[in-house]
Amino acid sequence: MKRGFLFGLGSFLCLGVLFGLMQLSNDVTTAAIVVTISVPLSILVIRAANRAPANRSRGHGVIGWLIGFLIIDAVLLCIFGIIVIFSNLS
């Protein structure tokens, strides 16, 4: 499942690189930051996934990939949820 998770995370970061390259014409600073962070991270994650042991079953690999692909979105959703909750308290 570790290999699937890493490949999912690498896929998400590769899509982040593509998104950053598409945004270069609109917002150069944000796109440059996204590309600068996503390119080395995606390379490191995919290399680590290639070194990881193979999954025990195809189902574990698919579920690991799905979790790895969606983990950054889940973290961001939690952060924004916490911000909204604490901003409404004051």
PDB file of N, CA and C in Angstrom:
ATOM      1  N   MET A   1       0.827  -1.190   0.000  1.00  0.00           N
ATOM      2  CA  MET A   1       0.000   0.000   0.000  1.00  0.00           C
ATOM      3  C   MET A   1       0.872   1.255   0.000  1.00  0.00           C
ATOM      4  N   LYS A   2       2.095   1.129   0.532  1.00  0.00           N
ATOM      5  CA  LYS A   2       3.003   2.268   0.558  1.00  0.00           C
ATOM      6  C   LYS A   2       3.361   2.708  -0.861  1.00  0.00           C
ATOM      7  N   ARG A   3       3.593   1.746  -1.741  1.00  0.00           N
ATOM      8  CA  ARG A   3       3.957   2.081  -3.115  1.00  0.00           C
ATOM      9  C   ARG A   3       2.803   2.781  -3.829  1.00  0.00           C
ATOM     10  N   GLY A   4       1.588   2.279  -3.641  1.00  0.00           N
ATOM     11  CA  GLY A   4       0.421   2.913  -4.241  1.00  0.00           C
ATOM     12  C   GLY A   4       0.208   4.322  -3.714  1.00  0.00           C
ATOM     13  N   PHE A   5       0.388   4.491  -2.396  1.00  0.00           N
ATOM     14  CA  PHE A   5       0.244   5.812  -1.786  1.00  0.00           C
ATOM     15  C   PHE A   5       1.246   6.792  -2.393  1.00  0.00           C
ATOM     16  N   LEU A   6       2.486   6.365  -2.520  1.00  0.00           N
ATOM     17  CA  LEU A   6       3.514   7.256  -3.063  1.00  0.00           C
ATOM     18  C   LEU A   6       3.256   7.581  -4.530  1.00  0.00           C
ATOM     19  N   PHE A   7       2.798   6.595  -5.304  1.00  0.00           N
ATOM     20  CA  PHE A   7       2.472   6.888  -6.697  1.00  0.00           C
ATOM     21  C   PHE A   7       1.276   7.839  -6.798  1.00  0.00           C
ATOM     22  N   GLY A   8       0.297   7.713  -5.907  1.00  0.00           N
ATOM     23  CA  GLY A   8      -0.832   8.649  -5.896  1.00  0.00           C
ATOM     24  C   GLY A   8      -0.399  10.053  -5.542  1.00  0.00           C
ATOM     25  N   LEU A   9       0.466  10.164  -4.556  1.00  0.00           N
ATOM     26  CA  LEU A   9       0.988  11.476  -4.169  1.00  0.00           C
ATOM     27  C   LEU A   9       1.817  12.076  -5.300  1.00  0.00           C
ATOM     28  N   GLY A  10       2.617  11.247  -5.950  1.00  0.00           N
ATOM     29  CA  GLY A  10       3.404  11.724  -7.086  1.00  0.00           C
ATOM     30  C   GLY A  10       2.520  12.172  -8.240  1.00  0.00           C
ATOM     31  N   SER A  11       1.421  11.457  -8.472  1.00  0.00           N
ATOM     32  CA  SER A  11       0.483  11.853  -9.530  1.00  0.00           C
ATOM     33  C   SER A  11      -0.140  13.203  -9.223  1.00  0.00           C
ATOM     34  N   PHE A  12      -0.510  13.414  -7.971  1.00  0.00           N
ATOM     35  CA  PHE A  12      -1.086  14.700  -7.579  1.00  0.00           C
ATOM     36  C   PHE A  12      -0.073  15.825  -7.776  1.00  0.00           C
ATOM     37  N   LEU A  13       1.167  15.586  -7.409  1.00  0.00           N
ATOM     38  CA  LEU A  13       2.191  16.619  -7.558  1.00  0.00           C
ATOM     39  C   LEU A  13       2.507  16.881  -9.026  1.00  0.00           C
ATOM     40  N   CYS A  14       2.460  15.847  -9.863  1.00  0.00           N
ATOM     41  CA  CYS A  14       2.663  16.059 -11.304  1.00  0.00           C
ATOM     42  C   CYS A  14       1.532  16.906 -11.885  1.00  0.00           C
ATOM     43  N   LEU A  15       0.314  16.676 -11.422  1.00  0.00           N
ATOM     44  CA  LEU A  15      -0.793  17.529 -11.863  1.00  0.00           C
ATOM     45  C   LEU A  15      -0.613  18.952 -11.358  1.00  0.00           C
ATOM     46  N   GLY A  16      -0.015  19.108 -10.180  1.00  0.00           N
ATOM     47  CA  GLY A  16       0.302  20.444  -9.677  1.00  0.00           C
ATOM     48  C   GLY A  16       1.305  21.158 -10.563  1.00  0.00           C
ATOM     49  N   VAL A  17       2.271  20.416 -11.105  1.00  0.00           N
ATOM     50  CA  VAL A  17       3.241  21.003 -12.033  1.00  0.00           C
ATOM     51  C   VAL A  17       2.516  21.475 -13.288  1.00  0.00           C
ATOM     52  N   LEU A  18       1.633  20.623 -13.827  1.00  0.00           N
ATOM     53  CA  LEU A  18       0.887  21.011 -15.031  1.00  0.00           C
ATOM     54  C   LEU A  18       0.004  22.227 -14.769  1.00  0.00           C
ATOM     55  N   PHE A  19      -0.640  22.266 -13.607  1.00  0.00           N
ATOM     56  CA  PHE A  19      -1.466  23.414 -13.250  1.00  0.00           C
ATOM     57  C   PHE A  19      -0.621  24.677 -13.156  1.00  0.00           C
ATOM     58  N   GLY A  20       0.553  24.566 -12.549  1.00  0.00           N
ATOM     59  CA  GLY A  20       1.438  25.727 -12.433  1.00  0.00           C
ATOM     60  C   GLY A  20       1.912  26.212 -13.788  1.00  0.00           C
ATOM     61  N   LEU A  21       2.207  25.288 -14.704  1.00  0.00           N
ATOM     62  CA  LEU A  21       2.643  25.692 -16.038  1.00  0.00           C
ATOM     63  C   LEU A  21       1.514  26.357 -16.817  1.00  0.00           C
ATOM     64  N   MET A  22       0.283  25.900 -16.596  1.00  0.00           N
ATOM     65  CA  MET A  22      -0.858  26.532 -17.266  1.00  0.00           C
ATOM     66  C   MET A  22      -1.114  27.929 -16.726  1.00  0.00           C
ATOM     67  N   GLN A  23      -0.811  28.171 -15.467  1.00  0.00           N
ATOM     68  CA  GLN A  23      -1.083  29.461 -14.838  1.00  0.00           C
ATOM     69  C   GLN A  23       0.027  30.478 -15.064  1.00  0.00           C
ATOM     70  N   LEU A  24       1.105  30.102 -15.726  1.00  0.00           N
ATOM     71  CA  LEU A  24       2.208  31.043 -15.934  1.00  0.00           C
ATOM     72  C   LEU A  24       1.781  32.280 -16.715  1.00  0.00           C
ATOM     73  N   SER A  25       0.807  32.147 -17.601  1.00  0.00           N
ATOM     74  CA  SER A  25       0.377  33.313 -18.375  1.00  0.00           C
ATOM     75  C   SER A  25      -0.514  34.247 -17.554  1.00  0.00           C
ATOM     76  N   ASN A  26      -1.166  33.732 -16.516  1.00  0.00           N
ATOM     77  CA  ASN A  26      -2.099  34.542 -15.728  1.00  0.00           C
ATOM     78  C   ASN A  26      -1.432  35.175 -14.503  1.00  0.00           C
ATOM     79  N   ASP A  27      -0.866  34.352 -13.655  1.00  0.00           N
ATOM     80  CA  ASP A  27      -0.289  34.819 -12.398  1.00  0.00           C
ATOM     81  C   ASP A  27       1.096  34.203 -12.247  1.00  0.00           C
ATOM     82  N   VAL A  28       2.111  34.962 -12.586  1.00  0.00           N
ATOM     83  CA  VAL A  28       3.463  34.419 -12.690  1.00  0.00           C
ATOM     84  C   VAL A  28       4.021  34.024 -11.327  1.00  0.00           C
ATOM     85  N   THR A  29       3.792  34.834 -10.299  1.00  0.00           N
ATOM     86  CA  THR A  29       4.406  34.537  -9.004  1.00  0.00           C
ATOM     87  C   THR A  29       3.823  33.271  -8.379  1.00  0.00           C
ATOM     88  N   THR A  30       2.509  33.155  -8.392  1.00  0.00           N
ATOM     89  CA  THR A  30       1.883  31.961  -7.822  1.00  0.00           C
ATOM     90  C   THR A  30       2.273  30.721  -8.609  1.00  0.00           C
ATOM     91  N   ALA A  31       2.271  30.825  -9.925  1.00  0.00           N
ATOM     92  CA  ALA A  31       2.633  29.682 -10.761  1.00  0.00           C
ATOM     93  C   ALA A  31       4.086  29.282 -10.546  1.00  0.00           C
ATOM     94  N   ALA A  32       4.956  30.257 -10.384  1.00  0.00           N
ATOM     95  CA  ALA A  32       6.367  29.941 -10.159  1.00  0.00           C
ATOM     96  C   ALA A  32       6.564  29.237  -8.821  1.00  0.00           C
ATOM     97  N   ILE A  33       5.823  29.647  -7.811  1.00  0.00           N
ATOM     98  CA  ILE A  33       5.918  29.003  -6.500  1.00  0.00           C
ATOM     99  C   ILE A  33       5.408  27.567  -6.582  1.00  0.00           C
ATOM    100  N   VAL A  34       4.279  27.363  -7.243  1.00  0.00           N
ATOM    101  CA  VAL A  34       3.699  26.022  -7.372  1.00  0.00           C
ATOM    102  C   VAL A  34       4.659  25.109  -8.126  1.00  0.00           C
ATOM    103  N   VAL A  35       5.216  25.584  -9.227  1.00  0.00           N
ATOM    104  CA  VAL A  35       6.132  24.771 -10.020  1.00  0.00           C
ATOM    105  C   VAL A  35       7.416  24.501  -9.255  1.00  0.00           C
ATOM    106  N   THR A  36       7.944  25.510  -8.564  1.00  0.00           N
ATOM    107  CA  THR A  36       9.191  25.349  -7.822  1.00  0.00           C
ATOM    108  C   THR A  36       9.060  24.326  -6.704  1.00  0.00           C
ATOM    109  N   ILE A  37       7.904  24.261  -6.085  1.00  0.00           N
ATOM    110  CA  ILE A  37       7.694  23.291  -5.003  1.00  0.00           C
ATOM    111  C   ILE A  37       7.327  21.919  -5.562  1.00  0.00           C
ATOM    112  N   SER A  38       6.486  21.865  -6.574  1.00  0.00           N
ATOM    113  CA  SER A  38       5.955  20.592  -7.058  1.00  0.00           C
ATOM    114  C   SER A  38       6.946  19.759  -7.851  1.00  0.00           C
ATOM    115  N   VAL A  39       7.820  20.397  -8.626  1.00  0.00           N
ATOM    116  CA  VAL A  39       8.741  19.622  -9.477  1.00  0.00           C
ATOM    117  C   VAL A  39       9.696  18.766  -8.649  1.00  0.00           C
ATOM    118  N   PRO A  40      10.458  19.340  -7.694  1.00  0.00           N
ATOM    119  CA  PRO A  40      11.368  18.465  -6.948  1.00  0.00           C
ATOM    120  C   PRO A  40      10.642  17.448  -6.072  1.00  0.00           C
ATOM    121  N   LEU A  41       9.505  17.860  -5.489  1.00  0.00           N
ATOM    122  CA  LEU A  41       8.766  16.914  -4.654  1.00  0.00           C
ATOM    123  C   LEU A  41       8.227  15.747  -5.464  1.00  0.00           C
ATOM    124  N   SER A  42       7.705  16.019  -6.651  1.00  0.00           N
ATOM    125  CA  SER A  42       7.167  14.928  -7.459  1.00  0.00           C
ATOM    126  C   SER A  42       8.277  13.974  -7.890  1.00  0.00           C
ATOM    127  N   ILE A  43       9.445  14.504  -8.210  1.00  0.00           N
ATOM    128  CA  ILE A  43      10.568  13.640  -8.586  1.00  0.00           C
ATOM    129  C   ILE A  43      10.990  12.761  -7.410  1.00  0.00           C
ATOM    130  N   LEU A  44      11.102  13.359  -6.220  1.00  0.00           N
ATOM    131  CA  LEU A  44      11.493  12.584  -5.039  1.00  0.00           C
ATOM    132  C   LEU A  44      10.467  11.517  -4.681  1.00  0.00           C
ATOM    133  N   VAL A  45       9.196  11.870  -4.758  1.00  0.00           N
ATOM    134  CA  VAL A  45       8.148  10.927  -4.382  1.00  0.00           C
ATOM    135  C   VAL A  45       8.071   9.768  -5.374  1.00  0.00           C
ATOM    136  N   ILE A  46       8.183  10.047  -6.652  1.00  0.00           N
ATOM    137  CA  ILE A  46       8.107   8.971  -7.640  1.00  0.00           C
ATOM    138  C   ILE A  46       9.342   8.071  -7.549  1.00  0.00           C
ATOM    139  N   ARG A  47      10.504   8.638  -7.280  1.00  0.00           N
ATOM    140  CA  ARG A  47      11.690   7.798  -7.087  1.00  0.00           C
ATOM    141  C   ARG A  47      11.548   6.927  -5.852  1.00  0.00           C
ATOM    142  N   ALA A  48      10.966   7.471  -4.783  1.00  0.00           N
ATOM    143  CA  ALA A  48      10.738   6.665  -3.577  1.00  0.00           C
ATOM    144  C   ALA A  48       9.710   5.572  -3.849  1.00  0.00           C
ATOM    145  N   ALA A  49       8.713   5.869  -4.674  1.00  0.00           N
ATOM    146  CA  ALA A  49       7.707   4.855  -5.005  1.00  0.00           C
ATOM    147  C   ALA A  49       8.319   3.730  -5.823  1.00  0.00           C
ATOM    148  N   ASN A  50       9.253   4.042  -6.694  1.00  0.00           N
ATOM    149  CA  ASN A  50       9.909   2.989  -7.470  1.00  0.00           C
ATOM    150  C   ASN A  50      10.778   2.089  -6.590  1.00  0.00           C
ATOM    151  N   ARG A  51      11.322   2.639  -5.508  1.00  0.00           N
ATOM    152  CA  ARG A  51      12.137   1.843  -4.589  1.00  0.00           C
ATOM    153  C   ARG A  51      11.298   1.060  -3.589  1.00  0.00           C
ATOM    154  N   ALA A  52      10.052   1.452  -3.381  1.00  0.00           N
ATOM    155  CA  ALA A  52       9.198   0.796  -2.384  1.00  0.00           C
ATOM    156  C   ALA A  52       8.853  -0.619  -2.834  1.00  0.00           C
ATOM    157  N   PRO A  53       8.595  -1.500  -1.862  1.00  0.00           N
ATOM    158  CA  PRO A  53       8.216  -2.875  -2.241  1.00  0.00           C
ATOM    159  C   PRO A  53       6.858  -2.893  -2.929  1.00  0.00           C
ATOM    160  N   ALA A  54       6.663  -3.896  -3.751  1.00  0.00           N
ATOM    161  CA  ALA A  54       5.416  -4.015  -4.503  1.00  0.00           C
ATOM    162  C   ALA A  54       4.237  -4.266  -3.564  1.00  0.00           C
ATOM    163  N   ASN A  55       3.044  -3.909  -4.034  1.00  0.00           N
ATOM    164  CA  ASN A  55       1.839  -4.113  -3.240  1.00  0.00           C
ATOM    165  C   ASN A  55       1.471  -5.595  -3.203  1.00  0.00           C
ATOM    166  N   ARG A  56       0.780  -5.989  -2.133  1.00  0.00           N
ATOM    167  CA  ARG A  56       0.378  -7.381  -2.005  1.00  0.00           C
ATOM    168  C   ARG A  56      -0.735  -7.742  -2.975  1.00  0.00           C
ATOM    169  N   SER A  57      -1.592  -6.803  -3.234  1.00  0.00           N
ATOM    170  CA  SER A  57      -2.683  -7.073  -4.169  1.00  0.00           C
ATOM    171  C   SER A  57      -2.974  -5.804  -4.961  1.00  0.00           C
ATOM    172  N   ARG A  58      -3.691  -5.987  -6.040  1.00  0.00           N
ATOM    173  CA  ARG A  58      -4.042  -4.841  -6.879  1.00  0.00           C
ATOM    174  C   ARG A  58      -5.003  -3.912  -6.140  1.00  0.00           C
ATOM    175  N   GLY A  59      -5.900  -4.469  -5.344  1.00  0.00           N
ATOM    176  CA  GLY A  59      -6.847  -3.648  -4.577  1.00  0.00           C
ATOM    177  C   GLY A  59      -6.143  -2.736  -3.587  1.00  0.00           C
ATOM    178  N   HIS A  60      -5.132  -3.284  -2.893  1.00  0.00           N
ATOM    179  CA  HIS A  60      -4.369  -2.451  -1.966  1.00  0.00           C
ATOM    180  C   HIS A  60      -3.644  -1.337  -2.710  1.00  0.00           C
ATOM    181  N   GLY A  61      -3.126  -1.646  -3.882  1.00  0.00           N
ATOM    182  CA  GLY A  61      -2.430  -0.630  -4.674  1.00  0.00           C
ATOM    183  C   GLY A  61      -3.360   0.480  -5.123  1.00  0.00           C
ATOM    184  N   VAL A  62      -4.574   0.106  -5.556  1.00  0.00           N
ATOM    185  CA  VAL A  62      -5.539   1.111  -6.023  1.00  0.00           C
ATOM    186  C   VAL A  62      -6.012   1.982  -4.866  1.00  0.00           C
ATOM    187  N   ILE A  63      -6.310   1.360  -3.738  1.00  0.00           N
ATOM    188  CA  ILE A  63      -6.760   2.139  -2.577  1.00  0.00           C
ATOM    189  C   ILE A  63      -5.630   3.038  -2.067  1.00  0.00           C
ATOM    190  N   GLY A  64      -4.407   2.525  -2.060  1.00  0.00           N
ATOM    191  CA  GLY A  64      -3.266   3.353  -1.658  1.00  0.00           C
ATOM    192  C   GLY A  64      -3.073   4.525  -2.595  1.00  0.00           C
ATOM    193  N   TRP A  65      -3.226   4.291  -3.907  1.00  0.00           N
ATOM    194  CA  TRP A  65      -3.087   5.373  -4.873  1.00  0.00           C
ATOM    195  C   TRP A  65      -4.160   6.433  -4.643  1.00  0.00           C
ATOM    196  N   LEU A  66      -5.398   5.998  -4.413  1.00  0.00           N
ATOM    197  CA  LEU A  66      -6.494   6.934  -4.195  1.00  0.00           C
ATOM    198  C   LEU A  66      -6.269   7.762  -2.931  1.00  0.00           C
ATOM    199  N   ILE A  67      -5.818   7.127  -1.874  1.00  0.00           N
ATOM    200  CA  ILE A  67      -5.532   7.856  -0.637  1.00  0.00           C
ATOM    201  C   ILE A  67      -4.382   8.840  -0.854  1.00  0.00           C
ATOM    202  N   GLY A  68      -3.334   8.408  -1.544  1.00  0.00           N
ATOM    203  CA  GLY A  68      -2.207   9.286  -1.807  1.00  0.00           C
ATOM    204  C   GLY A  68      -2.581  10.468  -2.682  1.00  0.00           C
ATOM    205  N   PHE A  69      -3.485  10.233  -3.638  1.00  0.00           N
ATOM    206  CA  PHE A  69      -3.899  11.302  -4.542  1.00  0.00           C
ATOM    207  C   PHE A  69      -4.745  12.344  -3.823  1.00  0.00           C
ATOM    208  N   LEU A  70      -5.552  11.902  -2.855  1.00  0.00           N
ATOM    209  CA  LEU A  70      -6.490  12.809  -2.192  1.00  0.00           C
ATOM    210  C   LEU A  70      -5.997  13.349  -0.856  1.00  0.00           C
ATOM    211  N   ILE A  71      -4.829  12.933  -0.373  1.00  0.00           N
ATOM    212  CA  ILE A  71      -4.398  13.311   0.971  1.00  0.00           C
ATOM    213  C   ILE A  71      -4.140  14.813   1.104  1.00  0.00           C
ATOM    214  N   ILE A  72      -3.573  15.444   0.101  1.00  0.00           N
ATOM    215  CA  ILE A  72      -3.295  16.883   0.198  1.00  0.00           C
ATOM    216  C   ILE A  72      -4.601  17.670   0.226  1.00  0.00           C
ATOM    217  N   ASP A  73      -5.591  17.234  -0.562  1.00  0.00           N
ATOM    218  CA  ASP A  73      -6.892  17.897  -0.528  1.00  0.00           C
ATOM    219  C   ASP A  73      -7.552  17.750   0.840  1.00  0.00           C
ATOM    220  N   ALA A  74      -7.422  16.577   1.447  1.00  0.00           N
ATOM    221  CA  ALA A  74      -8.011  16.366   2.766  1.00  0.00           C
ATOM    222  C   ALA A  74      -7.346  17.245   3.820  1.00  0.00           C
ATOM    223  N   VAL A  75      -6.042  17.384   3.749  1.00  0.00           N
ATOM    224  CA  VAL A  75      -5.321  18.238   4.704  1.00  0.00           C
ATOM    225  C   VAL A  75      -5.742  19.694   4.537  1.00  0.00           C
ATOM    226  N   LEU A  76      -5.818  20.151   3.294  1.00  0.00           N
ATOM    227  CA  LEU A  76      -6.241  21.532   3.057  1.00  0.00           C
ATOM    228  C   LEU A  76      -7.674  21.773   3.520  1.00  0.00           C
ATOM    229  N   LEU A  77      -8.548  20.797   3.306  1.00  0.00           N
ATOM    230  CA  LEU A  77      -9.928  20.920   3.770  1.00  0.00           C
ATOM    231  C   LEU A  77      -9.991  21.029   5.294  1.00  0.00           C
ATOM    232  N   CYS A  78      -9.181  20.253   5.985  1.00  0.00           N
ATOM    233  CA  CYS A  78      -9.141  20.337   7.450  1.00  0.00           C
ATOM    234  C   CYS A  78      -8.610  21.685   7.921  1.00  0.00           C
ATOM    235  N   ILE A  79      -7.578  22.180   7.260  1.00  0.00           N
ATOM    236  CA  ILE A  79      -7.013  23.477   7.651  1.00  0.00           C
ATOM    237  C   ILE A  79      -8.039  24.585   7.457  1.00  0.00           C
ATOM    238  N   PHE A  80      -8.715  24.597   6.296  1.00  0.00           N
ATOM    239  CA  PHE A  80      -9.721  25.634   6.051  1.00  0.00           C
ATOM    240  C   PHE A  80     -10.915  25.477   6.991  1.00  0.00           C
ATOM    241  N   GLY A  81     -11.281  24.252   7.316  1.00  0.00           N
ATOM    242  CA  GLY A  81     -12.359  24.037   8.276  1.00  0.00           C
ATOM    243  C   GLY A  81     -12.018  24.574   9.648  1.00  0.00           C
ATOM    244  N   ILE A  82     -10.794  24.349  10.094  1.00  0.00           N
ATOM    245  CA  ILE A  82     -10.356  24.871  11.391  1.00  0.00           C
ATOM    246  C   ILE A  82     -10.345  26.393  11.370  1.00  0.00           C
ATOM    247  N   ILE A  83      -9.894  26.982  10.282  1.00  0.00           N
ATOM    248  CA  ILE A  83      -9.882  28.453  10.164  1.00  0.00           C
ATOM    249  C   ILE A  83     -11.302  29.001  10.254  1.00  0.00           C
ATOM    250  N   VAL A  84     -12.239  28.375   9.550  1.00  0.00           N
ATOM    251  CA  VAL A  84     -13.625  28.846   9.556  1.00  0.00           C
ATOM    252  C   VAL A  84     -14.235  28.709  10.943  1.00  0.00           C
ATOM    253  N   ILE A  85     -13.975  27.600  11.602  1.00  0.00           N
ATOM    254  CA  ILE A  85     -14.543  27.377  12.947  1.00  0.00           C
ATOM    255  C   ILE A  85     -14.003  28.419  13.927  1.00  0.00           C
ATOM    256  N   PHE A  86     -12.688  28.630  13.908  1.00  0.00           N
ATOM    257  CA  PHE A  86     -12.111  29.577  14.869  1.00  0.00           C
ATOM    258  C   PHE A  86     -12.371  31.022  14.498  1.00  0.00           C
ATOM    259  N   SER A  87     -12.617  31.317  13.254  1.00  0.00           N
ATOM    260  CA  SER A  87     -12.942  32.699  12.894  1.00  0.00           C
ATOM    261  C   SER A  87     -14.372  33.059  13.292  1.00  0.00           C
ATOM    262  N   ASN A  88     -15.248  32.064  13.364  1.00  0.00           N
ATOM    263  CA  ASN A  88     -16.621  32.318  13.790  1.00  0.00           C
ATOM    264  C   ASN A  88     -16.760  32.432  15.296  1.00  0.00           C
ATOM    265  N   LEU A  89     -15.778  31.996  16.053  1.00  0.00           N
ATOM    266  CA  LEU A  89     -15.855  32.066  17.510  1.00  0.00           C
ATOM    267  C   LEU A  89     -15.655  33.468  18.037  1.00  0.00           C
ATOM    268  N   SER A  90     -14.932  34.290  17.343  1.00  0.00           N
ATOM    269  CA  SER A  90     -14.637  35.625  17.875  1.00  0.00           C
ATOM    270  C   SER A  90     -15.616  36.663  17.423  1.00  0.00           C
TER     271      SER A  90
END
